[in-house]
């Protein structure tokens, strides 16, 4: 498959240790809700228009304030891309953000069956995504 660039500048697919991933860089938005939500929607349109499924999705949220609105938009994004991924890794979420995201994932039947893990290090996240299902 030809490698393409997503709206946020990520390679798609992203090849890592023998596996294919999709990575989103949604970090460094600070309190700019509009900016992170606009990029998330652009990435959703890009990814759902591809005729290709990857094993894992990793999202970098470092230095982005995950407000209730941003988390709600993320859950909507996750619902749309869910049929095309097997695992989700989130990087850069605080403990409180993790609790909020987990609560919403558990409340959403279509999302509750996918493995989701949180990481501080993107390399650990990507390695987990390409490893066999645990």
Protein backbone atom coordinates (compact mmCIF):
# COMPACT_ATOMS: atom_id res chain seq x y z
CA UNK A 1 0.00 0.00 0.00
CA UNK A 2 1.17 3.52 -0.76
CA UNK A 3 1.91 5.58 2.34
CA UNK A 4 -0.24 8.71 2.57
CA UNK A 5 -0.16 11.66 4.94
CA UNK A 6 -3.09 12.36 7.21
CA UNK A 7 -4.29 15.95 7.85
CA UNK A 8 -2.15 16.08 11.00
CA UNK A 9 0.97 14.95 9.13
CA UNK A 10 1.03 11.29 10.22
CA UNK A 11 2.02 8.58 7.76
CA UNK A 12 -0.79 6.19 6.94
CA UNK A 13 -0.27 3.40 7.38
CA UNK A 14 2.58 3.80 9.85
CA UNK A 15 4.82 0.73 9.79
CA UNK A 16 6.30 -0.23 13.13
CA UNK A 17 8.08 -3.44 14.15
CA UNK A 18 6.33 -5.45 11.46
CA UNK A 19 2.83 -4.08 12.08
CA UNK A 20 0.63 -1.35 10.66
CA UNK A 21 -0.65 1.46 12.84
CA UNK A 22 -2.39 4.77 12.55
CA UNK A 23 -1.04 7.49 14.80
CA UNK A 24 -2.69 10.78 15.62
CA UNK A 25 -0.81 13.72 17.06
CA UNK A 26 -3.48 15.61 18.96
CA UNK A 27 -1.06 16.96 21.53
CA UNK A 28 0.22 20.50 22.13
CA UNK A 29 -3.17 22.15 21.68
CA UNK A 30 -3.29 23.38 25.28
CA UNK A 31 -6.75 24.81 25.94
CA UNK A 32 -7.56 25.22 22.21
CA UNK A 33 -10.68 23.03 22.04
CA UNK A 34 -11.60 24.23 18.56
CA UNK A 35 -8.18 23.34 17.16
CA UNK A 36 -8.00 19.81 18.57
CA UNK A 37 -11.62 19.06 17.65
CA UNK A 38 -11.14 20.35 14.09
CA UNK A 39 -8.07 18.17 13.61
CA UNK A 40 -9.83 15.16 15.15
CA UNK A 41 -12.72 15.56 12.69
CA UNK A 42 -10.34 15.96 9.75
CA UNK A 43 -8.45 12.81 10.83
CA UNK A 44 -11.75 10.92 11.15
CA UNK A 45 -12.77 11.86 7.61
CA UNK A 46 -9.34 10.90 6.31
CA UNK A 47 -9.21 7.55 8.09
CA UNK A 48 -12.77 6.46 7.36
CA UNK A 49 -12.26 7.28 3.68
CA UNK A 50 -9.34 4.86 3.42
CA UNK A 51 -10.08 1.37 2.16
CA UNK A 52 -7.64 -0.09 4.65
CA UNK A 53 -7.80 -1.38 8.21
CA UNK A 54 -4.86 -1.20 10.62
CA UNK A 55 -4.38 -3.24 13.77
CA UNK A 56 -3.92 -0.40 16.16
CA UNK A 57 -4.52 3.29 16.68
CA UNK A 58 -2.40 5.41 18.97
CA UNK A 59 -3.29 8.94 19.92
CA UNK A 60 -0.93 11.44 21.51
CA UNK A 61 -2.79 13.86 23.80
CA UNK A 62 0.29 15.36 25.53
CA UNK A 63 -0.21 19.02 26.46
CA UNK A 64 -3.82 19.10 25.32
CA UNK A 65 -6.44 19.89 27.94
CA UNK A 66 -9.04 17.13 27.74
CA UNK A 67 -12.20 19.02 28.63
CA UNK A 68 -15.59 17.34 28.77
CA UNK A 69 -16.24 18.65 25.25
CA UNK A 70 -12.94 17.31 23.84
CA UNK A 71 -13.49 13.93 25.51
CA UNK A 72 -17.05 13.80 24.13
CA UNK A 73 -15.77 14.53 20.63
CA UNK A 74 -13.08 11.90 21.08
CA UNK A 75 -15.73 9.29 21.98
CA UNK A 76 -17.64 10.25 18.80
CA UNK A 77 -14.42 9.91 16.79
CA UNK A 78 -13.71 6.53 18.42
CA UNK A 79 -17.18 5.25 17.47
CA UNK A 80 -16.55 6.11 13.82
CA UNK A 81 -13.11 4.51 13.55
CA UNK A 82 -13.82 1.53 15.83
CA UNK A 83 -14.75 -0.90 13.00
CA UNK A 84 -11.28 -0.40 11.47
CA UNK A 85 -9.04 -0.97 14.50
CA UNK A 86 -8.32 -3.84 16.90
CA UNK A 87 -6.63 -1.92 19.74
CA UNK A 88 -6.37 1.66 21.00
CA UNK A 89 -3.43 3.22 22.84
CA UNK A 90 -3.72 6.67 24.40
CA UNK A 91 -0.61 8.61 25.32
CA UNK A 92 -0.37 11.61 27.62
CA UNK A 93 -3.65 11.37 29.57
CA UNK A 94 -3.79 12.31 33.24
CA UNK A 95 -5.28 9.91 35.77
CA UNK A 96 -8.50 11.94 35.90
CA UNK A 97 -8.73 11.97 32.10
CA UNK A 98 -8.29 8.20 32.05
CA UNK A 99 -11.17 7.75 34.48
CA UNK A 100 -13.45 10.02 32.43
CA UNK A 101 -12.56 8.30 29.14
CA UNK A 102 -12.94 4.80 30.62
CA UNK A 103 -16.35 5.68 32.06
CA UNK A 104 -17.61 6.84 28.65
CA UNK A 105 -16.10 3.87 26.82
CA UNK A 106 -17.81 1.45 29.22
CA UNK A 107 -21.13 3.24 28.69
CA UNK A 108 -20.81 2.88 24.91
CA UNK A 109 -21.55 -0.73 23.98
CA UNK A 110 -19.79 -0.63 20.60
CA UNK A 111 -16.54 0.55 22.24
CA UNK A 112 -16.42 -1.52 25.40
CA UNK A 113 -15.06 -4.66 23.71
CA UNK A 114 -11.86 -3.17 22.27
CA UNK A 115 -8.63 -3.28 24.29
CA UNK A 116 -7.64 0.23 25.41
CA UNK A 117 -4.42 1.01 27.24
CA UNK A 118 -2.80 4.21 28.48
CA UNK A 119 0.89 5.02 28.18
CA UNK A 120 3.35 7.73 29.08
CA UNK A 121 5.77 6.70 26.33
CA UNK A 122 4.66 6.58 22.67
CA UNK A 123 7.18 3.83 21.90
CA UNK A 124 5.63 1.59 24.57
CA UNK A 125 2.19 2.32 23.13
CA UNK A 126 3.22 1.40 19.59
CA UNK A 127 4.97 -1.76 20.75
CA UNK A 128 1.85 -2.88 22.62
CA UNK A 129 -0.30 -2.22 19.55
CA UNK A 130 1.77 -4.40 17.23
CA UNK A 131 2.11 -7.29 19.69
CA UNK A 132 -0.35 -10.18 19.57
CA UNK A 133 -3.72 -9.60 21.17
CA UNK A 134 -3.37 -10.04 24.92
